[in-house]
Amino acid sequence: MNPVNYLYLAALLFTIGAAGVVIRRNAIVVFMCIELMLNACNLAFVVFSRMHGNLDGQIIAFFTMVVAAAEVVVGLAIIVSIFRTRHTASVDDASLMKL
């Protein structure tokens, strides 16, 4: 398969994730869309790494996955905290927690 096809797939996945972040209001769906965008970037990193014949893109993709896992842990903790106080996971209601 041509590497350009993988880049088109990465661009499509990134576009779907960006649209989900902009359109949706549920915090869990927004975090899933951010993860989709990060995976699209990882796919592009790996494709460019294979095209140039080195491992730099794969190493960057690995570190991106580590940061994404930490982001999920912190994000879900915040969502659970908001859900316990407000009984909803809407992004619009998160601004109500300010003092």
PDB file of N, CA and C in Angstrom:
ATOM      1  N   MET A   1       0.828  -1.176   0.000  1.00  0.00           N
ATOM      2  CA  MET A   1       0.000   0.000   0.000  1.00  0.00           C
ATOM      3  C   MET A   1       0.881   1.251   0.000  1.00  0.00           C
ATOM      4  N   ASN A   2       0.439   2.258  -0.667  1.00  0.00           N
ATOM      5  CA  ASN A   2       1.184   3.499  -0.804  1.00  0.00           C
ATOM      6  C   ASN A   2       1.147   4.291   0.510  1.00  0.00           C
ATOM      7  N   PRO A   3       2.265   4.873   0.938  1.00  0.00           N
ATOM      8  CA  PRO A   3       2.255   5.652   2.181  1.00  0.00           C
ATOM      9  C   PRO A   3       1.312   6.857   2.142  1.00  0.00           C
ATOM     10  N   VAL A   4       1.037   7.362   0.961  1.00  0.00           N
ATOM     11  CA  VAL A   4       0.124   8.494   0.845  1.00  0.00           C
ATOM     12  C   VAL A   4      -1.274   8.097   1.308  1.00  0.00           C
ATOM     13  N   ASN A   5      -1.654   6.851   1.072  1.00  0.00           N
ATOM     14  CA  ASN A   5      -2.962   6.381   1.537  1.00  0.00           C
ATOM     15  C   ASN A   5      -3.064   6.417   3.059  1.00  0.00           C
ATOM     16  N   TYR A   6      -1.976   6.064   3.720  1.00  0.00           N
ATOM     17  CA  TYR A   6      -1.965   6.134   5.184  1.00  0.00           C
ATOM     18  C   TYR A   6      -2.070   7.584   5.668  1.00  0.00           C
ATOM     19  N   LEU A   7      -1.443   8.498   4.941  1.00  0.00           N
ATOM     20  CA  LEU A   7      -1.543   9.910   5.312  1.00  0.00           C
ATOM     21  C   LEU A   7      -2.956  10.441   5.102  1.00  0.00           C
ATOM     22  N   TYR A   8      -3.628   9.976   4.035  1.00  0.00           N
ATOM     23  CA  TYR A   8      -5.028  10.357   3.840  1.00  0.00           C
ATOM     24  C   TYR A   8      -5.892   9.823   4.992  1.00  0.00           C
ATOM     25  N   LEU A   9      -5.619   8.596   5.411  1.00  0.00           N
ATOM     26  CA  LEU A   9      -6.357   8.016   6.530  1.00  0.00           C
ATOM     27  C   LEU A   9      -6.102   8.816   7.810  1.00  0.00           C
ATOM     28  N   ALA A  10      -4.850   9.208   8.045  1.00  0.00           N
ATOM     29  CA  ALA A  10      -4.523  10.005   9.229  1.00  0.00           C
ATOM     30  C   ALA A  10      -5.229  11.353   9.180  1.00  0.00           C
ATOM     31  N   ALA A  11      -5.273  11.972   8.001  1.00  0.00           N
ATOM     32  CA  ALA A  11      -5.964  13.262   7.868  1.00  0.00           C
ATOM     33  C   ALA A  11      -7.459  13.103   8.099  1.00  0.00           C
ATOM     34  N   LEU A  12      -8.041  12.022   7.614  1.00  0.00           N
ATOM     35  CA  LEU A  12      -9.470  11.766   7.825  1.00  0.00           C
ATOM     36  C   LEU A  12      -9.772  11.541   9.303  1.00  0.00           C
ATOM     37  N   LEU A  13      -8.953  10.742   9.970  1.00  0.00           N
ATOM     38  CA  LEU A  13      -9.151  10.488  11.401  1.00  0.00           C
ATOM     39  C   LEU A  13      -8.992  11.771  12.214  1.00  0.00           C
ATOM     40  N   PHE A  14      -8.008  12.588  11.853  1.00  0.00           N
ATOM     41  CA  PHE A  14      -7.805  13.840  12.569  1.00  0.00           C
ATOM     42  C   PHE A  14      -8.987  14.784  12.363  1.00  0.00           C
ATOM     43  N   THR A  15      -9.524  14.821  11.154  1.00  0.00           N
ATOM     44  CA  THR A  15     -10.675  15.677  10.859  1.00  0.00           C
ATOM     45  C   THR A  15     -11.905  15.233  11.630  1.00  0.00           C
ATOM     46  N   ILE A  16     -12.133  13.928  11.703  1.00  0.00           N
ATOM     47  CA  ILE A  16     -13.271  13.404  12.471  1.00  0.00           C
ATOM     48  C   ILE A  16     -13.117  13.754  13.948  1.00  0.00           C
ATOM     49  N   GLY A  17     -11.903  13.606  14.476  1.00  0.00           N
ATOM     50  CA  GLY A  17     -11.656  13.947  15.876  1.00  0.00           C
ATOM     51  C   GLY A  17     -11.841  15.431  16.148  1.00  0.00           C
ATOM     52  N   ALA A  18     -11.351  16.276  15.254  1.00  0.00           N
ATOM     53  CA  ALA A  18     -11.499  17.719  15.443  1.00  0.00           C
ATOM     54  C   ALA A  18     -12.962  18.136  15.369  1.00  0.00           C
ATOM     55  N   ALA A  19     -13.702  17.541  14.450  1.00  0.00           N
ATOM     56  CA  ALA A  19     -15.133  17.846  14.361  1.00  0.00           C
ATOM     57  C   ALA A  19     -15.862  17.398  15.617  1.00  0.00           C
ATOM     58  N   GLY A  20     -15.479  16.257  16.163  1.00  0.00           N
ATOM     59  CA  GLY A  20     -16.099  15.777  17.398  1.00  0.00           C
ATOM     60  C   GLY A  20     -15.816  16.673  18.579  1.00  0.00           C
ATOM     61  N   VAL A  21     -14.608  17.239  18.654  1.00  0.00           N
ATOM     62  CA  VAL A  21     -14.277  18.148  19.750  1.00  0.00           C
ATOM     63  C   VAL A  21     -15.098  19.428  19.640  1.00  0.00           C
ATOM     64  N   VAL A  22     -15.276  19.919  18.424  1.00  0.00           N
ATOM     65  CA  VAL A  22     -15.993  21.179  18.228  1.00  0.00           C
ATOM     66  C   VAL A  22     -17.504  21.001  18.407  1.00  0.00           C
ATOM     67  N   ILE A  23     -18.053  19.899  17.928  1.00  0.00           N
ATOM     68  CA  ILE A  23     -19.511  19.721  17.873  1.00  0.00           C
ATOM     69  C   ILE A  23     -20.085  19.159  19.171  1.00  0.00           C
ATOM     70  N   ARG A  24     -19.453  18.159  19.744  1.00  0.00           N
ATOM     71  CA  ARG A  24     -20.044  17.446  20.874  1.00  0.00           C
ATOM     72  C   ARG A  24     -19.888  18.211  22.177  1.00  0.00           C
ATOM     73  N   ARG A  25     -20.789  17.950  23.123  1.00  0.00           N
ATOM     74  CA  ARG A  25     -20.772  18.616  24.422  1.00  0.00           C
ATOM     75  C   ARG A  25     -20.500  17.666  25.581  1.00  0.00           C
ATOM     76  N   ASN A  26     -20.531  16.371  25.346  1.00  0.00           N
ATOM     77  CA  ASN A  26     -20.270  15.403  26.402  1.00  0.00           C
ATOM     78  C   ASN A  26     -18.758  15.293  26.602  1.00  0.00           C
ATOM     79  N   ALA A  27     -18.303  15.401  27.845  1.00  0.00           N
ATOM     80  CA  ALA A  27     -16.869  15.427  28.135  1.00  0.00           C
ATOM     81  C   ALA A  27     -16.186  14.121  27.748  1.00  0.00           C
ATOM     82  N   ILE A  28     -16.850  13.000  27.928  1.00  0.00           N
ATOM     83  CA  ILE A  28     -16.238  11.713  27.587  1.00  0.00           C
ATOM     84  C   ILE A  28     -16.047  11.601  26.083  1.00  0.00           C
ATOM     85  N   VAL A  29     -17.022  12.055  25.308  1.00  0.00           N
ATOM     86  CA  VAL A  29     -16.902  12.022  23.849  1.00  0.00           C
ATOM     87  C   VAL A  29     -15.792  12.967  23.388  1.00  0.00           C
ATOM     88  N   VAL A  30     -15.660  14.112  24.039  1.00  0.00           N
ATOM     89  CA  VAL A  30     -14.593  15.054  23.690  1.00  0.00           C
ATOM     90  C   VAL A  30     -13.227  14.419  23.941  1.00  0.00           C
ATOM     91  N   PHE A  31     -13.062  13.732  25.062  1.00  0.00           N
ATOM     92  CA  PHE A  31     -11.792  13.063  25.335  1.00  0.00           C
ATOM     93  C   PHE A  31     -11.525  11.942  24.338  1.00  0.00           C
ATOM     94  N   MET A  32     -12.558  11.221  23.935  1.00  0.00           N
ATOM     95  CA  MET A  32     -12.376  10.177  22.922  1.00  0.00           C
ATOM     96  C   MET A  32     -11.953  10.779  21.587  1.00  0.00           C
ATOM     97  N   CYS A  33     -12.498  11.934  21.246  1.00  0.00           N
ATOM     98  CA  CYS A  33     -12.124  12.597  19.996  1.00  0.00           C
ATOM     99  C   CYS A  33     -10.686  13.116  20.054  1.00  0.00           C
ATOM    100  N   ILE A  34     -10.265  13.578  21.223  1.00  0.00           N
ATOM    101  CA  ILE A  34      -8.871  14.005  21.376  1.00  0.00           C
ATOM    102  C   ILE A  34      -7.936  12.812  21.210  1.00  0.00           C
ATOM    103  N   GLU A  35      -8.320  11.674  21.751  1.00  0.00           N
ATOM    104  CA  GLU A  35      -7.518  10.460  21.579  1.00  0.00           C
ATOM    105  C   GLU A  35      -7.459  10.051  20.110  1.00  0.00           C
ATOM    106  N   LEU A  36      -8.565  10.216  19.393  1.00  0.00           N
ATOM    107  CA  LEU A  36      -8.586   9.907  17.963  1.00  0.00           C
ATOM    108  C   LEU A  36      -7.630  10.821  17.204  1.00  0.00           C
ATOM    109  N   MET A  37      -7.592  12.085  17.582  1.00  0.00           N
ATOM    110  CA  MET A  37      -6.667  13.021  16.946  1.00  0.00           C
ATOM    111  C   MET A  37      -5.208  12.655  17.245  1.00  0.00           C
ATOM    112  N   LEU A  38      -4.930  12.249  18.475  1.00  0.00           N
ATOM    113  CA  LEU A  38      -3.570  11.843  18.823  1.00  0.00           C
ATOM    114  C   LEU A  38      -3.151  10.581  18.067  1.00  0.00           C
ATOM    115  N   ASN A  39      -4.080   9.649  17.899  1.00  0.00           N
ATOM    116  CA  ASN A  39      -3.762   8.438  17.137  1.00  0.00           C
ATOM    117  C   ASN A  39      -3.530   8.746  15.664  1.00  0.00           C
ATOM    118  N   ALA A  40      -4.251   9.719  15.121  1.00  0.00           N
ATOM    119  CA  ALA A  40      -4.016  10.132  13.736  1.00  0.00           C
ATOM    120  C   ALA A  40      -2.614  10.728  13.596  1.00  0.00           C
ATOM    121  N   CYS A  41      -2.206  11.526  14.561  1.00  0.00           N
ATOM    122  CA  CYS A  41      -0.846  12.083  14.533  1.00  0.00           C
ATOM    123  C   CYS A  41       0.198  10.979  14.660  1.00  0.00           C
ATOM    124  N   ASN A  42      -0.067   9.996  15.498  1.00  0.00           N
ATOM    125  CA  ASN A  42       0.858   8.867  15.632  1.00  0.00           C
ATOM    126  C   ASN A  42       0.992   8.113  14.319  1.00  0.00           C
ATOM    127  N   LEU A  43      -0.114   7.916  13.618  1.00  0.00           N
ATOM    128  CA  LEU A  43      -0.069   7.233  12.325  1.00  0.00           C
ATOM    129  C   LEU A  43       0.781   8.022  11.338  1.00  0.00           C
ATOM    130  N   ALA A  44       0.628   9.338  11.316  1.00  0.00           N
ATOM    131  CA  ALA A  44       1.443  10.168  10.422  1.00  0.00           C
ATOM    132  C   ALA A  44       2.917  10.101  10.803  1.00  0.00           C
ATOM    133  N   PHE A  45       3.214  10.130  12.110  1.00  0.00           N
ATOM    134  CA  PHE A  45       4.607  10.007  12.547  1.00  0.00           C
ATOM    135  C   PHE A  45       5.230   8.701  12.073  1.00  0.00           C
ATOM    136  N   VAL A  46       4.512   7.602  12.210  1.00  0.00           N
ATOM    137  CA  VAL A  46       5.040   6.295  11.819  1.00  0.00           C
ATOM    138  C   VAL A  46       5.218   6.219  10.300  1.00  0.00           C
ATOM    139  N   VAL A  47       4.274   6.784   9.552  1.00  0.00           N
ATOM    140  CA  VAL A  47       4.394   6.766   8.084  1.00  0.00           C
ATOM    141  C   VAL A  47       5.618   7.550   7.642  1.00  0.00           C
ATOM    142  N   PHE A  48       5.807   8.748   8.201  1.00  0.00           N
ATOM    143  CA  PHE A  48       6.980   9.533   7.825  1.00  0.00           C
ATOM    144  C   PHE A  48       8.266   8.859   8.275  1.00  0.00           C
ATOM    145  N   SER A  49       8.214   8.175   9.397  1.00  0.00           N
ATOM    146  CA  SER A  49       9.376   7.440   9.866  1.00  0.00           C
ATOM    147  C   SER A  49       9.746   6.322   8.896  1.00  0.00           C
ATOM    148  N   ARG A  50       8.741   5.613   8.412  1.00  0.00           N
ATOM    149  CA  ARG A  50       9.001   4.536   7.443  1.00  0.00           C
ATOM    150  C   ARG A  50       9.485   5.083   6.109  1.00  0.00           C
ATOM    151  N   MET A  51       8.951   6.248   5.714  1.00  0.00           N
ATOM    152  CA  MET A  51       9.360   6.833   4.438  1.00  0.00           C
ATOM    153  C   MET A  51      10.827   7.263   4.466  1.00  0.00           C
ATOM    154  N   HIS A  52      11.293   7.753   5.611  1.00  0.00           N
ATOM    155  CA  HIS A  52      12.669   8.227   5.725  1.00  0.00           C
ATOM    156  C   HIS A  52      13.630   7.156   6.222  1.00  0.00           C
ATOM    157  N   GLY A  53      13.122   6.009   6.622  1.00  0.00           N
ATOM    158  CA  GLY A  53      13.980   4.894   7.002  1.00  0.00           C
ATOM    159  C   GLY A  53      14.651   5.014   8.356  1.00  0.00           C
ATOM    160  N   ASN A  54      14.065   5.763   9.279  1.00  0.00           N
ATOM    161  CA  ASN A  54      14.632   5.829  10.623  1.00  0.00           C
ATOM    162  C   ASN A  54      13.519   5.575  11.643  1.00  0.00           C
ATOM    163  N   LEU A  55      13.905   5.541  12.908  1.00  0.00           N
ATOM    164  CA  LEU A  55      12.945   5.209  13.960  1.00  0.00           C
ATOM    165  C   LEU A  55      12.470   6.422  14.757  1.00  0.00           C
ATOM    166  N   ASP A  56      12.810   7.613  14.335  1.00  0.00           N
ATOM    167  CA  ASP A  56      12.467   8.805  15.107  1.00  0.00           C
ATOM    168  C   ASP A  56      10.956   8.974  15.252  1.00  0.00           C
ATOM    169  N   GLY A  57      10.217   8.776  14.184  1.00  0.00           N
ATOM    170  CA  GLY A  57       8.759   8.927  14.243  1.00  0.00           C
ATOM    171  C   GLY A  57       8.114   7.896  15.147  1.00  0.00           C
ATOM    172  N   GLN A  58       8.640   6.689  15.151  1.00  0.00           N
ATOM    173  CA  GLN A  58       8.078   5.649  16.007  1.00  0.00           C
ATOM    174  C   GLN A  58       8.361   5.941  17.476  1.00  0.00           C
ATOM    175  N   ILE A  59       9.509   6.513  17.769  1.00  0.00           N
ATOM    176  CA  ILE A  59       9.826   6.878  19.145  1.00  0.00           C
ATOM    177  C   ILE A  59       8.917   8.012  19.609  1.00  0.00           C
ATOM    178  N   ILE A  60       8.690   8.998  18.744  1.00  0.00           N
ATOM    179  CA  ILE A  60       7.788  10.101  19.085  1.00  0.00           C
ATOM    180  C   ILE A  60       6.377   9.579  19.299  1.00  0.00           C
ATOM    181  N   ALA A  61       5.944   8.626  18.453  1.00  0.00           N
ATOM    182  CA  ALA A  61       4.609   8.036  18.613  1.00  0.00           C
ATOM    183  C   ALA A  61       4.495   7.296  19.940  1.00  0.00           C
ATOM    184  N   PHE A  62       5.553   6.619  20.353  1.00  0.00           N
ATOM    185  CA  PHE A  62       5.534   5.929  21.641  1.00  0.00           C
ATOM    186  C   PHE A  62       5.373   6.914  22.789  1.00  0.00           C
ATOM    187  N   PHE A  63       6.138   8.000  22.774  1.00  0.00           N
ATOM    188  CA  PHE A  63       6.026   8.992  23.838  1.00  0.00           C
ATOM    189  C   PHE A  63       4.670   9.692  23.806  1.00  0.00           C
ATOM    190  N   THR A  64       4.102   9.881  22.626  1.00  0.00           N
ATOM    191  CA  THR A  64       2.764  10.458  22.520  1.00  0.00           C
ATOM    192  C   THR A  64       1.733   9.541  23.155  1.00  0.00           C
ATOM    193  N   MET A  65       1.879   8.237  22.981  1.00  0.00           N
ATOM    194  CA  MET A  65       0.960   7.294  23.621  1.00  0.00           C
ATOM    195  C   MET A  65       1.084   7.339  25.142  1.00  0.00           C
ATOM    196  N   VAL A  66       2.295   7.514  25.644  1.00  0.00           N
ATOM    197  CA  VAL A  66       2.497   7.609  27.099  1.00  0.00           C
ATOM    198  C   VAL A  66       1.824   8.865  27.645  1.00  0.00           C
ATOM    199  N   VAL A  67       1.996   9.981  26.946  1.00  0.00           N
ATOM    200  CA  VAL A  67       1.368  11.228  27.383  1.00  0.00           C
ATOM    201  C   VAL A  67      -0.148  11.127  27.270  1.00  0.00           C
ATOM    202  N   ALA A  68      -0.647  10.463  26.228  1.00  0.00           N
ATOM    203  CA  ALA A  68      -2.100  10.292  26.062  1.00  0.00           C
ATOM    204  C   ALA A  68      -2.680   9.436  27.187  1.00  0.00           C
ATOM    205  N   ALA A  69      -1.951   8.432  27.631  1.00  0.00           N
ATOM    206  CA  ALA A  69      -2.439   7.595  28.730  1.00  0.00           C
ATOM    207  C   ALA A  69      -2.518   8.413  30.020  1.00  0.00           C
ATOM    208  N   ALA A  70      -1.533   9.253  30.262  1.00  0.00           N
ATOM    209  CA  ALA A  70      -1.574  10.112  31.451  1.00  0.00           C
ATOM    210  C   ALA A  70      -2.705  11.126  31.347  1.00  0.00           C
ATOM    211  N   GLU A  71      -2.944  11.633  30.145  1.00  0.00           N
ATOM    212  CA  GLU A  71      -4.029  12.590  29.933  1.00  0.00           C
ATOM    213  C   GLU A  71      -5.387  11.950  30.195  1.00  0.00           C
ATOM    214  N   VAL A  72      -5.541  10.702  29.815  1.00  0.00           N
ATOM    215  CA  VAL A  72      -6.802   9.996  30.061  1.00  0.00           C
ATOM    216  C   VAL A  72      -7.040   9.822  31.545  1.00  0.00           C
ATOM    217  N   VAL A  73      -6.020   9.493  32.285  1.00  0.00           N
ATOM    218  CA  VAL A  73      -6.173   9.294  33.732  1.00  0.00           C
ATOM    219  C   VAL A  73      -6.604  10.591  34.403  1.00  0.00           C
ATOM    220  N   VAL A  74      -5.926  11.668  34.087  1.00  0.00           N
ATOM    221  CA  VAL A  74      -6.260  12.961  34.705  1.00  0.00           C
ATOM    222  C   VAL A  74      -7.626  13.439  34.226  1.00  0.00           C
ATOM    223  N   GLY A  75      -7.895  13.302  32.937  1.00  0.00           N
ATOM    224  CA  GLY A  75      -9.174  13.744  32.387  1.00  0.00           C
ATOM    225  C   GLY A  75     -10.355  12.985  32.963  1.00  0.00           C
ATOM    226  N   LEU A  76     -10.223  11.678  33.088  1.00  0.00           N
ATOM    227  CA  LEU A  76     -11.322  10.895  33.669  1.00  0.00           C
ATOM    228  C   LEU A  76     -11.526  11.211  35.138  1.00  0.00           C
ATOM    229  N   ALA A  77     -10.455  11.505  35.851  1.00  0.00           N
ATOM    230  CA  ALA A  77     -10.605  11.908  37.254  1.00  0.00           C
ATOM    231  C   ALA A  77     -11.377  13.223  37.356  1.00  0.00           C
ATOM    232  N   ILE A  78     -11.089  14.154  36.465  1.00  0.00           N
ATOM    233  CA  ILE A  78     -11.821  15.425  36.460  1.00  0.00           C
ATOM    234  C   ILE A  78     -13.276  15.203  36.086  1.00  0.00           C
ATOM    235  N   ILE A  79     -13.531  14.353  35.106  1.00  0.00           N
ATOM    236  CA  ILE A  79     -14.909  14.069  34.686  1.00  0.00           C
ATOM    237  C   ILE A  79     -15.692  13.419  35.813  1.00  0.00           C
ATOM    238  N   VAL A  80     -15.080  12.475  36.518  1.00  0.00           N
ATOM    239  CA  VAL A  80     -15.763  11.821  37.637  1.00  0.00           C
ATOM    240  C   VAL A  80     -16.066  12.832  38.733  1.00  0.00           C
ATOM    241  N   SER A  81     -15.131  13.742  38.989  1.00  0.00           N
ATOM    242  CA  SER A  81     -15.362  14.774  39.998  1.00  0.00           C
ATOM    243  C   SER A  81     -16.524  15.686  39.599  1.00  0.00           C
ATOM    244  N   ILE A  82     -16.574  16.086  38.353  1.00  0.00           N
ATOM    245  CA  ILE A  82     -17.685  16.923  37.879  1.00  0.00           C
ATOM    246  C   ILE A  82     -18.995  16.155  37.925  1.00  0.00           C
ATOM    247  N   PHE A  83     -18.965  14.874  37.537  1.00  0.00           N
ATOM    248  CA  PHE A  83     -20.186  14.075  37.532  1.00  0.00           C
ATOM    249  C   PHE A  83     -20.729  13.884  38.938  1.00  0.00           C
ATOM    250  N   ARG A  84     -19.838  13.724  39.913  1.00  0.00           N
ATOM    251  CA  ARG A  84     -20.297  13.536  41.295  1.00  0.00           C
ATOM    252  C   ARG A  84     -20.956  14.789  41.857  1.00  0.00           C
ATOM    253  N   THR A  85     -20.478  15.949  41.456  1.00  0.00           N
ATOM    254  CA  THR A  85     -21.058  17.182  42.003  1.00  0.00           C
ATOM    255  C   THR A  85     -22.268  17.665  41.211  1.00  0.00           C
ATOM    256  N   ARG A  86     -22.252  17.512  39.900  1.00  0.00           N
ATOM    257  CA  ARG A  86     -23.310  18.061  39.042  1.00  0.00           C
ATOM    258  C   ARG A  86     -24.262  17.015  38.464  1.00  0.00           C
ATOM    259  N   HIS A  87     -23.920  15.739  38.563  1.00  0.00           N
ATOM    260  CA  HIS A  87     -24.713  14.629  38.017  1.00  0.00           C
ATOM    261  C   HIS A  87     -24.904  14.746  36.503  1.00  0.00           C
ATOM    262  N   THR A  88     -23.922  15.327  35.830  1.00  0.00           N
ATOM    263  CA  THR A  88     -23.905  15.395  34.381  1.00  0.00           C
ATOM    264  C   THR A  88     -22.458  15.461  33.917  1.00  0.00           C
ATOM    265  N   ALA A  89     -22.214  15.029  32.681  1.00  0.00           N
ATOM    266  CA  ALA A  89     -20.879  15.060  32.118  1.00  0.00           C
ATOM    267  C   ALA A  89     -20.781  16.048  30.965  1.00  0.00           C
ATOM    268  N   SER A  90     -21.617  17.068  30.998  1.00  0.00           N
ATOM    269  CA  SER A  90     -21.634  18.072  29.939  1.00  0.00           C
ATOM    270  C   SER A  90     -20.486  19.064  30.119  1.00  0.00           C
ATOM    271  N   VAL A  91     -19.880  19.453  29.003  1.00  0.00           N
ATOM    272  CA  VAL A  91     -18.785  20.400  29.052  1.00  0.00           C
ATOM    273  C   VAL A  91     -19.291  21.791  29.431  1.00  0.00           C
ATOM    274  N   ASP A  92     -20.509  22.107  29.055  1.00  0.00           N
ATOM    275  CA  ASP A  92     -21.077  23.424  29.374  1.00  0.00           C
ATOM    276  C   ASP A  92     -21.234  23.619  30.873  1.00  0.00           C
ATOM    277  N   ASP A  93     -21.532  22.566  31.607  1.00  0.00           N
ATOM    278  CA  ASP A  93     -21.736  22.673  33.048  1.00  0.00           C
ATOM    279  C   ASP A  93     -20.424  22.734  33.829  1.00  0.00           C
ATOM    280  N   ALA A  94     -19.310  22.454  33.190  1.00  0.00           N
ATOM    281  CA  ALA A  94     -18.021  22.488  33.895  1.00  0.00           C
ATOM    282  C   ALA A  94     -17.653  23.907  34.301  1.00  0.00           C
ATOM    283  N   SER A  95     -18.121  24.897  33.573  1.00  0.00           N
ATOM    284  CA  SER A  95     -17.800  26.283  33.931  1.00  0.00           C
ATOM    285  C   SER A  95     -18.546  26.728  35.186  1.00  0.00           C
ATOM    286  N   LEU A  96     -19.551  25.986  35.602  1.00  0.00           N
ATOM    287  CA  LEU A  96     -20.294  26.333  36.810  1.00  0.00           C
ATOM    288  C   LEU A  96     -19.529  26.020  38.087  1.00  0.00           C
ATOM    289  N   MET A  97     -18.417  25.285  37.978  1.00  0.00           N
ATOM    290  CA  MET A  97     -17.656  24.901  39.164  1.00  0.00           C
ATOM    291  C   MET A  97     -16.685  25.988  39.609  1.00  0.00           C
ATOM    292  N   LYS A  98     -16.611  27.100  38.868  1.00  0.00           N
ATOM    293  CA  LYS A  98     -15.743  28.201  39.271  1.00  0.00           C
ATOM    294  C   LYS A  98     -16.308  28.875  40.507  1.00  0.00           C
ATOM    295  N   LEU A  99     -15.435  29.448  41.303  1.00  0.00           N
ATOM    296  CA  LEU A  99     -15.872  30.158  42.510  1.00  0.00           C
ATOM    297  C   LEU A  99     -16.129  31.599  42.237  1.00  0.00           C
TER     298      LEU A  99
END
